[in-house]
């Protein structure tokens, strides 16, 4: 779980807390958690280390997905993607529209597969993290969700590798 912020600390990271609590409550093991400043290379360094760790199946980040000068999470993550999950950002904005209307256009939520690791970037607001987890990620990271989910595909992500 990665929080991207120039201002949040472990004491006030409500979005990171929400995601960590919900992931653990859903039966997932929280392998790592960090807070990193809004900087392309700092973000990329942390996520690169995590996708290199065979014990980490998914990385979820919060923050840095807007349009301000410091928002750089998509720019940091997308070069790492071997495959883009275009539908993640599209679906996030669709379900978010029900809650915040056209303001969802300011979200640059992205998802992808990087070194056989699922990577999802959510906006930094606690409400956006709840929406992303409750409406999308909880199901896609549950191997019992039907008709299909990413969790059941984890063993197959390495197919075709030497």
N, C-alpha and C. Protein backbone atom coordinates (compact mmCIF):
# COMPACT_ATOMS: atom_id res chain seq x y z
N UNK A 1 0.85 -1.16 0.00
CA UNK A 1 0.00 0.00 0.00
C UNK A 1 0.90 1.22 0.00
N UNK A 2 0.71 2.07 -0.99
CA UNK A 2 1.58 3.24 -1.13
C UNK A 2 0.75 4.51 -1.13
N UNK A 3 1.10 5.43 -0.27
CA UNK A 3 0.47 6.76 -0.27
C UNK A 3 1.44 7.74 -0.89
N UNK A 4 0.96 8.48 -1.88
CA UNK A 4 1.77 9.49 -2.54
C UNK A 4 1.29 10.84 -2.05
N UNK A 5 2.16 11.54 -1.32
CA UNK A 5 1.77 12.83 -0.74
C UNK A 5 2.99 13.59 -0.26
N UNK A 6 2.91 14.91 -0.40
CA UNK A 6 3.95 15.77 0.16
C UNK A 6 3.62 16.20 1.58
N UNK A 7 2.41 15.91 2.03
CA UNK A 7 1.97 16.44 3.32
C UNK A 7 1.54 15.38 4.33
N UNK A 8 1.12 14.21 3.89
CA UNK A 8 0.62 13.21 4.83
C UNK A 8 1.75 12.48 5.53
N UNK A 9 1.43 12.07 6.75
CA UNK A 9 2.36 11.27 7.55
C UNK A 9 1.63 10.01 8.00
N UNK A 10 2.33 9.11 8.63
CA UNK A 10 1.71 7.88 9.13
C UNK A 10 0.60 8.20 10.13
N UNK A 11 0.67 9.34 10.78
CA UNK A 11 -0.34 9.71 11.79
C UNK A 11 -1.64 10.21 11.17
N UNK A 12 -1.60 10.74 9.94
CA UNK A 12 -2.82 11.32 9.36
C UNK A 12 -3.13 10.79 7.96
N UNK A 13 -2.64 9.62 7.63
CA UNK A 13 -2.87 9.02 6.32
C UNK A 13 -4.18 8.22 6.32
N UNK A 14 -5.30 8.93 6.31
CA UNK A 14 -6.60 8.27 6.39
C UNK A 14 -6.90 7.39 5.18
N UNK A 15 -6.50 7.82 4.00
CA UNK A 15 -6.75 7.02 2.80
C UNK A 15 -5.94 5.73 2.82
N UNK A 16 -4.67 5.83 3.18
CA UNK A 16 -3.85 4.64 3.30
C UNK A 16 -4.36 3.71 4.38
N UNK A 17 -4.80 4.28 5.50
CA UNK A 17 -5.37 3.47 6.58
C UNK A 17 -6.61 2.72 6.10
N UNK A 18 -7.49 3.42 5.40
CA UNK A 18 -8.72 2.80 4.90
C UNK A 18 -8.40 1.62 3.99
N UNK A 19 -7.51 1.83 3.03
CA UNK A 19 -7.17 0.75 2.10
C UNK A 19 -6.51 -0.43 2.82
N UNK A 20 -5.60 -0.14 3.73
CA UNK A 20 -4.93 -1.21 4.46
C UNK A 20 -5.93 -2.00 5.30
N UNK A 21 -6.80 -1.30 6.01
CA UNK A 21 -7.79 -1.97 6.85
C UNK A 21 -8.74 -2.83 6.03
N UNK A 22 -9.20 -2.31 4.90
CA UNK A 22 -10.15 -3.07 4.08
C UNK A 22 -9.48 -4.26 3.41
N UNK A 23 -8.24 -4.11 3.00
CA UNK A 23 -7.53 -5.24 2.39
C UNK A 23 -7.33 -6.36 3.41
N UNK A 24 -6.91 -6.02 4.60
CA UNK A 24 -6.69 -7.02 5.65
C UNK A 24 -8.03 -7.67 6.03
N UNK A 25 -9.08 -6.87 6.15
CA UNK A 25 -10.40 -7.40 6.49
C UNK A 25 -10.91 -8.37 5.42
N UNK A 26 -10.47 -8.18 4.18
CA UNK A 26 -10.87 -9.07 3.08
C UNK A 26 -9.99 -10.32 3.01
N UNK A 27 -9.04 -10.45 3.94
CA UNK A 27 -8.21 -11.64 3.99
C UNK A 27 -6.86 -11.53 3.31
N UNK A 28 -6.49 -10.33 2.89
CA UNK A 28 -5.19 -10.14 2.24
C UNK A 28 -4.12 -9.84 3.27
N UNK A 29 -2.89 -10.20 2.93
CA UNK A 29 -1.73 -9.88 3.78
C UNK A 29 -1.14 -8.58 3.28
N UNK A 30 -0.93 -7.64 4.18
CA UNK A 30 -0.32 -6.37 3.83
C UNK A 30 1.19 -6.56 3.88
N UNK A 31 1.81 -6.72 2.73
CA UNK A 31 3.24 -7.03 2.65
C UNK A 31 4.11 -5.81 2.92
N UNK A 32 3.61 -4.63 2.53
CA UNK A 32 4.40 -3.42 2.70
C UNK A 32 3.48 -2.21 2.67
N UNK A 33 3.93 -1.16 3.33
CA UNK A 33 3.20 0.10 3.32
C UNK A 33 4.21 1.21 3.44
N UNK A 34 4.00 2.27 2.63
CA UNK A 34 4.95 3.37 2.64
C UNK A 34 4.24 4.66 2.26
N UNK A 35 4.86 5.77 2.59
CA UNK A 35 4.42 7.09 2.14
C UNK A 35 5.60 7.70 1.41
N UNK A 36 5.36 8.19 0.22
CA UNK A 36 6.43 8.76 -0.60
C UNK A 36 5.95 10.11 -1.14
N UNK A 37 6.89 11.02 -1.32
CA UNK A 37 6.54 12.36 -1.82
C UNK A 37 6.09 12.27 -3.29
N UNK A 38 5.37 13.31 -3.71
CA UNK A 38 4.91 13.41 -5.11
C UNK A 38 6.11 13.69 -6.01
N UNK A 39 6.79 12.64 -6.40
CA UNK A 39 7.96 12.75 -7.25
C UNK A 39 8.03 11.48 -8.10
N UNK A 40 8.08 11.65 -9.40
CA UNK A 40 8.05 10.50 -10.32
C UNK A 40 9.07 9.44 -9.92
N UNK A 41 10.29 9.85 -9.64
CA UNK A 41 11.35 8.88 -9.40
C UNK A 41 11.27 8.25 -8.03
N UNK A 42 10.79 8.99 -7.04
CA UNK A 42 10.60 8.41 -5.71
C UNK A 42 9.47 7.36 -5.75
N UNK A 43 8.38 7.69 -6.44
CA UNK A 43 7.26 6.74 -6.59
C UNK A 43 7.74 5.49 -7.32
N UNK A 44 8.40 5.72 -8.43
CA UNK A 44 8.86 4.60 -9.27
C UNK A 44 9.84 3.71 -8.53
N UNK A 45 10.69 4.29 -7.69
CA UNK A 45 11.67 3.50 -6.94
C UNK A 45 10.98 2.53 -5.98
N UNK A 46 9.99 3.03 -5.24
CA UNK A 46 9.28 2.16 -4.29
C UNK A 46 8.52 1.07 -5.03
N UNK A 47 7.76 1.46 -6.03
CA UNK A 47 6.96 0.47 -6.75
C UNK A 47 7.85 -0.51 -7.50
N UNK A 48 8.95 -0.07 -8.04
CA UNK A 48 9.88 -0.99 -8.72
C UNK A 48 10.40 -2.05 -7.76
N UNK A 49 10.72 -1.66 -6.54
CA UNK A 49 11.19 -2.64 -5.55
C UNK A 49 10.07 -3.63 -5.22
N UNK A 50 8.85 -3.14 -5.09
CA UNK A 50 7.74 -4.03 -4.75
C UNK A 50 7.39 -4.99 -5.88
N UNK A 51 7.44 -4.53 -7.13
CA UNK A 51 7.10 -5.45 -8.23
C UNK A 51 8.23 -6.45 -8.47
N UNK A 52 9.40 -6.18 -7.94
CA UNK A 52 10.50 -7.14 -8.04
C UNK A 52 10.42 -8.21 -6.96
N UNK A 53 9.57 -8.01 -5.97
CA UNK A 53 9.40 -8.94 -4.86
C UNK A 53 8.35 -9.99 -5.23
N UNK A 54 8.75 -11.22 -5.37
CA UNK A 54 7.84 -12.30 -5.78
C UNK A 54 6.73 -12.55 -4.77
N UNK A 55 6.87 -12.07 -3.55
CA UNK A 55 5.85 -12.26 -2.53
C UNK A 55 4.75 -11.20 -2.58
N UNK A 56 4.89 -10.21 -3.44
CA UNK A 56 3.88 -9.15 -3.57
C UNK A 56 3.13 -9.36 -4.88
N UNK A 57 1.82 -9.59 -4.76
CA UNK A 57 0.97 -9.85 -5.94
C UNK A 57 0.29 -8.60 -6.46
N UNK A 58 0.07 -7.62 -5.59
CA UNK A 58 -0.65 -6.40 -5.99
C UNK A 58 -0.11 -5.20 -5.21
N UNK A 59 -0.09 -4.07 -5.89
CA UNK A 59 0.29 -2.80 -5.30
C UNK A 59 -0.88 -1.84 -5.51
N UNK A 60 -1.32 -1.21 -4.45
CA UNK A 60 -2.37 -0.20 -4.54
C UNK A 60 -1.79 1.10 -4.02
N UNK A 61 -1.89 2.15 -4.83
CA UNK A 61 -1.42 3.46 -4.37
C UNK A 61 -2.60 4.41 -4.27
N UNK A 62 -2.43 5.41 -3.44
CA UNK A 62 -3.42 6.46 -3.29
C UNK A 62 -2.71 7.81 -3.36
N UNK A 63 -3.27 8.70 -4.17
CA UNK A 63 -2.71 10.04 -4.27
C UNK A 63 -1.92 10.29 -5.54
N UNK A 64 -1.82 11.55 -5.90
CA UNK A 64 -1.01 11.95 -7.05
C UNK A 64 -1.62 11.68 -8.40
N UNK A 65 -2.95 11.49 -8.45
CA UNK A 65 -3.58 11.16 -9.74
C UNK A 65 -4.34 12.33 -10.35
N UNK A 66 -4.23 13.51 -9.75
CA UNK A 66 -4.95 14.67 -10.26
C UNK A 66 -4.18 15.41 -11.34
N UNK A 67 -4.45 16.71 -11.46
CA UNK A 67 -3.88 17.51 -12.53
C UNK A 67 -2.96 18.64 -12.07
N UNK A 68 -2.68 18.70 -10.77
CA UNK A 68 -1.79 19.78 -10.33
C UNK A 68 -0.36 19.49 -10.78
N UNK A 69 0.48 20.47 -10.64
CA UNK A 69 1.86 20.33 -11.07
C UNK A 69 2.61 19.21 -10.37
N UNK A 70 2.23 18.88 -9.15
CA UNK A 70 2.93 17.84 -8.40
C UNK A 70 2.33 16.46 -8.61
N UNK A 71 1.12 16.35 -9.16
CA UNK A 71 0.48 15.05 -9.34
C UNK A 71 1.20 14.28 -10.45
N UNK A 72 1.89 13.20 -10.06
CA UNK A 72 2.72 12.49 -11.03
C UNK A 72 2.64 10.97 -10.93
N UNK A 73 1.67 10.45 -10.20
CA UNK A 73 1.60 9.00 -10.04
C UNK A 73 1.42 8.27 -11.37
N UNK A 74 0.48 8.68 -12.24
CA UNK A 74 0.37 7.96 -13.52
C UNK A 74 1.66 8.00 -14.34
N UNK A 75 2.33 9.14 -14.34
CA UNK A 75 3.59 9.25 -15.09
C UNK A 75 4.66 8.35 -14.49
N UNK A 76 4.63 8.15 -13.18
CA UNK A 76 5.60 7.28 -12.53
C UNK A 76 5.32 5.81 -12.82
N UNK A 77 4.05 5.44 -12.82
CA UNK A 77 3.70 4.02 -12.91
C UNK A 77 3.58 3.47 -14.32
N UNK A 78 2.99 4.23 -15.22
CA UNK A 78 2.68 3.64 -16.54
C UNK A 78 3.93 3.15 -17.30
N UNK A 79 5.10 3.76 -17.17
CA UNK A 79 6.26 3.19 -17.85
C UNK A 79 6.65 1.80 -17.31
N UNK A 80 6.20 1.49 -16.10
CA UNK A 80 6.51 0.18 -15.51
C UNK A 80 5.57 -0.91 -16.02
N UNK A 81 4.43 -0.53 -16.57
CA UNK A 81 3.41 -1.50 -16.98
C UNK A 81 3.84 -2.30 -18.20
N UNK A 82 3.72 -3.62 -18.08
CA UNK A 82 3.87 -4.50 -19.24
C UNK A 82 2.55 -4.56 -20.00
N UNK A 83 1.46 -4.45 -19.26
CA UNK A 83 0.12 -4.41 -19.84
C UNK A 83 -0.69 -3.39 -19.06
N UNK A 84 -1.42 -2.56 -19.79
CA UNK A 84 -2.29 -1.57 -19.16
C UNK A 84 -3.66 -2.20 -18.93
N UNK A 85 -4.28 -1.87 -17.80
CA UNK A 85 -5.65 -2.30 -17.53
C UNK A 85 -6.52 -1.06 -17.75
N UNK A 86 -6.80 -0.75 -19.03
CA UNK A 86 -7.55 0.45 -19.36
C UNK A 86 -8.89 0.49 -18.65
N UNK A 87 -9.52 -0.67 -18.53
CA UNK A 87 -10.84 -0.73 -17.91
C UNK A 87 -10.87 -0.29 -16.47
N UNK A 88 -9.74 -0.36 -15.75
CA UNK A 88 -9.74 0.05 -14.36
C UNK A 88 -10.05 1.54 -14.22
N UNK A 89 -9.30 2.37 -14.91
CA UNK A 89 -9.54 3.81 -14.84
C UNK A 89 -10.91 4.18 -15.37
N UNK A 90 -11.31 3.52 -16.46
CA UNK A 90 -12.63 3.79 -17.04
C UNK A 90 -13.74 3.44 -16.05
N UNK A 91 -13.64 2.26 -15.43
CA UNK A 91 -14.66 1.84 -14.49
C UNK A 91 -14.64 2.71 -13.23
N UNK A 92 -13.45 3.06 -12.76
CA UNK A 92 -13.38 3.93 -11.58
C UNK A 92 -14.11 5.23 -11.85
N UNK A 93 -13.87 5.84 -12.99
CA UNK A 93 -14.54 7.11 -13.29
C UNK A 93 -16.05 6.92 -13.46
N UNK A 94 -16.45 5.78 -14.00
CA UNK A 94 -17.89 5.51 -14.15
C UNK A 94 -18.58 5.42 -12.79
N UNK A 95 -18.04 4.62 -11.88
CA UNK A 95 -18.69 4.47 -10.57
C UNK A 95 -18.53 5.74 -9.74
N UNK A 96 -17.44 6.44 -9.91
CA UNK A 96 -17.22 7.69 -9.21
C UNK A 96 -18.20 8.77 -9.68
N UNK A 97 -18.58 8.73 -10.94
CA UNK A 97 -19.54 9.70 -11.49
C UNK A 97 -20.85 9.66 -10.71
N UNK A 98 -21.24 8.47 -10.26
CA UNK A 98 -22.48 8.33 -9.48
C UNK A 98 -22.39 9.11 -8.18
N UNK A 99 -21.18 9.31 -7.66
CA UNK A 99 -20.99 9.97 -6.38
C UNK A 99 -20.65 11.45 -6.50
N UNK A 100 -19.79 11.79 -7.48
CA UNK A 100 -19.31 13.18 -7.55
C UNK A 100 -19.59 13.86 -8.88
N UNK A 101 -20.35 13.20 -9.74
CA UNK A 101 -20.70 13.82 -11.01
C UNK A 101 -19.49 14.05 -11.90
N UNK A 102 -19.57 15.14 -12.66
CA UNK A 102 -18.53 15.39 -13.66
C UNK A 102 -17.16 15.68 -13.06
N UNK A 103 -17.07 15.90 -11.76
CA UNK A 103 -15.75 16.11 -11.15
C UNK A 103 -14.85 14.89 -11.31
N UNK A 104 -15.44 13.73 -11.60
CA UNK A 104 -14.64 12.52 -11.80
C UNK A 104 -13.69 12.64 -12.99
N UNK A 105 -13.97 13.57 -13.88
CA UNK A 105 -13.09 13.77 -15.04
C UNK A 105 -11.68 14.17 -14.61
N UNK A 106 -11.54 14.68 -13.39
CA UNK A 106 -10.22 15.09 -12.89
C UNK A 106 -9.41 13.93 -12.34
N UNK A 107 -9.97 12.73 -12.33
CA UNK A 107 -9.24 11.56 -11.83
C UNK A 107 -8.47 10.90 -12.96
N UNK A 108 -7.21 10.63 -12.68
CA UNK A 108 -6.39 9.88 -13.63
C UNK A 108 -6.02 8.53 -13.03
N UNK A 109 -7.01 7.87 -12.41
CA UNK A 109 -6.79 6.53 -11.86
C UNK A 109 -6.32 5.62 -12.99
N UNK A 110 -5.30 4.80 -12.70
CA UNK A 110 -4.76 3.88 -13.70
C UNK A 110 -4.50 2.51 -13.07
N UNK A 111 -4.42 1.52 -13.93
CA UNK A 111 -4.08 0.18 -13.48
C UNK A 111 -3.26 -0.51 -14.55
N UNK A 112 -2.45 -1.46 -14.11
CA UNK A 112 -1.64 -2.21 -15.06
C UNK A 112 -1.02 -3.43 -14.42
N UNK A 113 -0.37 -4.20 -15.26
CA UNK A 113 0.37 -5.37 -14.83
C UNK A 113 1.85 -5.07 -15.06
N UNK A 114 2.65 -5.15 -13.99
CA UNK A 114 4.07 -4.83 -14.06
C UNK A 114 4.86 -5.97 -13.43
N UNK A 115 5.66 -6.65 -14.22
CA UNK A 115 6.44 -7.78 -13.73
C UNK A 115 5.55 -8.79 -13.01
N UNK A 116 4.41 -9.08 -13.61
CA UNK A 116 3.42 -10.04 -13.09
C UNK A 116 2.77 -9.59 -11.78
N UNK A 117 2.85 -8.31 -11.47
CA UNK A 117 2.23 -7.75 -10.28
C UNK A 117 1.15 -6.77 -10.71
N UNK A 118 -0.03 -6.89 -10.11
CA UNK A 118 -1.10 -5.94 -10.37
C UNK A 118 -0.77 -4.63 -9.69
N UNK A 119 -0.96 -3.52 -10.40
CA UNK A 119 -0.68 -2.19 -9.86
C UNK A 119 -1.89 -1.30 -10.14
N UNK A 120 -2.44 -0.71 -9.08
CA UNK A 120 -3.59 0.17 -9.21
C UNK A 120 -3.30 1.49 -8.52
N UNK A 121 -3.62 2.60 -9.17
CA UNK A 121 -3.43 3.93 -8.60
C UNK A 121 -4.79 4.60 -8.44
N UNK A 122 -5.13 4.92 -7.20
CA UNK A 122 -6.38 5.59 -6.86
C UNK A 122 -6.11 7.03 -6.46
N UNK A 123 -7.12 7.88 -6.58
CA UNK A 123 -6.96 9.25 -6.07
C UNK A 123 -6.70 9.25 -4.56
N UNK A 124 -6.31 10.40 -4.04
CA UNK A 124 -5.92 10.49 -2.64
C UNK A 124 -7.03 10.69 -1.64
N UNK A 125 -8.23 11.03 -2.08
CA UNK A 125 -9.30 11.26 -1.10
C UNK A 125 -9.77 9.93 -0.50
N UNK A 126 -10.14 10.00 0.75
CA UNK A 126 -10.63 8.80 1.43
C UNK A 126 -11.87 8.25 0.74
N UNK A 127 -12.78 9.14 0.31
CA UNK A 127 -13.98 8.68 -0.39
C UNK A 127 -13.64 7.98 -1.70
N UNK A 128 -12.67 8.51 -2.43
CA UNK A 128 -12.27 7.88 -3.69
C UNK A 128 -11.66 6.50 -3.43
N UNK A 129 -10.89 6.38 -2.36
CA UNK A 129 -10.30 5.08 -2.02
C UNK A 129 -11.38 4.08 -1.63
N UNK A 130 -12.37 4.53 -0.88
CA UNK A 130 -13.49 3.64 -0.53
C UNK A 130 -14.22 3.20 -1.78
N UNK A 131 -14.47 4.11 -2.69
CA UNK A 131 -15.14 3.76 -3.94
C UNK A 131 -14.33 2.75 -4.73
N UNK A 132 -13.04 3.02 -4.90
CA UNK A 132 -12.19 2.11 -5.66
C UNK A 132 -12.10 0.73 -5.06
N UNK A 133 -11.98 0.67 -3.73
CA UNK A 133 -11.89 -0.63 -3.08
C UNK A 133 -13.25 -1.34 -3.11
N UNK A 134 -14.29 -0.65 -2.62
CA UNK A 134 -15.59 -1.29 -2.44
C UNK A 134 -16.28 -1.66 -3.75
N UNK A 135 -16.05 -0.88 -4.79
CA UNK A 135 -16.78 -1.09 -6.03
C UNK A 135 -15.98 -1.87 -7.08
N UNK A 136 -14.66 -1.96 -6.90
CA UNK A 136 -13.85 -2.62 -7.93
C UNK A 136 -12.86 -3.61 -7.33
N UNK A 137 -11.93 -3.12 -6.54
CA UNK A 137 -10.80 -3.94 -6.13
C UNK A 137 -11.16 -5.10 -5.22
N UNK A 138 -12.10 -4.91 -4.30
CA UNK A 138 -12.45 -6.02 -3.40
C UNK A 138 -12.89 -7.24 -4.21
N UNK A 139 -13.59 -7.03 -5.30
CA UNK A 139 -14.04 -8.15 -6.13
C UNK A 139 -12.93 -8.69 -7.02
N UNK A 140 -12.17 -7.81 -7.63
CA UNK A 140 -11.14 -8.27 -8.56
C UNK A 140 -9.96 -8.93 -7.85
N UNK A 141 -9.81 -8.70 -6.56
CA UNK A 141 -8.75 -9.35 -5.79
C UNK A 141 -9.28 -10.53 -4.97
N UNK A 142 -10.49 -10.97 -5.28
CA UNK A 142 -11.15 -12.10 -4.62
C UNK A 142 -11.31 -13.23 -5.63
N UNK A 143 -10.62 -14.35 -5.41
CA UNK A 143 -10.65 -15.43 -6.41
C UNK A 143 -11.99 -16.16 -6.47
N UNK A 144 -12.93 -15.80 -5.62
CA UNK A 144 -14.25 -16.40 -5.68
C UNK A 144 -15.27 -15.53 -6.40
N UNK A 145 -14.89 -14.29 -6.75
CA UNK A 145 -15.81 -13.40 -7.44
C UNK A 145 -16.04 -13.91 -8.86
N UNK A 146 -17.28 -13.95 -9.28
CA UNK A 146 -17.64 -14.44 -10.61
C UNK A 146 -18.40 -13.37 -11.38
N UNK A 147 -18.20 -13.34 -12.70
CA UNK A 147 -17.73 -14.45 -13.52
C UNK A 147 -16.21 -14.55 -13.64
N UNK A 148 -15.47 -13.49 -13.32
CA UNK A 148 -14.02 -13.59 -13.39
C UNK A 148 -13.38 -12.53 -12.50
N UNK A 149 -12.09 -12.70 -12.25
CA UNK A 149 -11.36 -11.78 -11.38
C UNK A 149 -9.88 -11.89 -11.68
N UNK A 150 -9.13 -10.89 -11.25
CA UNK A 150 -7.67 -10.92 -11.44
C UNK A 150 -6.98 -11.91 -10.51
N UNK A 151 -7.54 -12.12 -9.33
CA UNK A 151 -6.88 -12.99 -8.35
C UNK A 151 -6.67 -14.40 -8.89
N UNK A 152 -7.66 -14.94 -9.60
CA UNK A 152 -7.51 -16.29 -10.11
C UNK A 152 -6.50 -16.37 -11.26
N UNK A 153 -6.18 -15.23 -11.84
CA UNK A 153 -5.21 -15.21 -12.94
C UNK A 153 -3.77 -15.05 -12.47
N UNK A 154 -3.56 -14.73 -11.21
CA UNK A 154 -2.19 -14.49 -10.70
C UNK A 154 -1.20 -15.56 -11.12
N UNK A 155 -1.52 -16.85 -10.98
CA UNK A 155 -0.54 -17.88 -11.36
C UNK A 155 -0.22 -17.88 -12.86
N UNK A 156 -1.11 -17.32 -13.67
CA UNK A 156 -0.92 -17.36 -15.12
C UNK A 156 -0.22 -16.13 -15.67
N UNK A 157 0.02 -15.12 -14.85
CA UNK A 157 0.65 -13.90 -15.34
C UNK A 157 2.07 -14.14 -15.85
N UNK A 158 2.72 -15.18 -15.38
CA UNK A 158 4.09 -15.46 -15.79
C UNK A 158 4.19 -16.42 -16.98
N UNK A 159 3.06 -16.81 -17.54
CA UNK A 159 3.07 -17.72 -18.69
C UNK A 159 3.88 -17.11 -19.84
N UNK A 160 4.65 -17.92 -20.49
CA UNK A 160 5.42 -17.47 -21.62
C UNK A 160 6.74 -16.84 -21.27
N UNK A 161 7.03 -16.68 -19.97
CA UNK A 161 8.33 -16.12 -19.58
C UNK A 161 9.39 -17.20 -19.65
N UNK A 162 10.60 -16.83 -19.97
CA UNK A 162 11.67 -17.84 -20.04
C UNK A 162 12.02 -18.41 -18.69
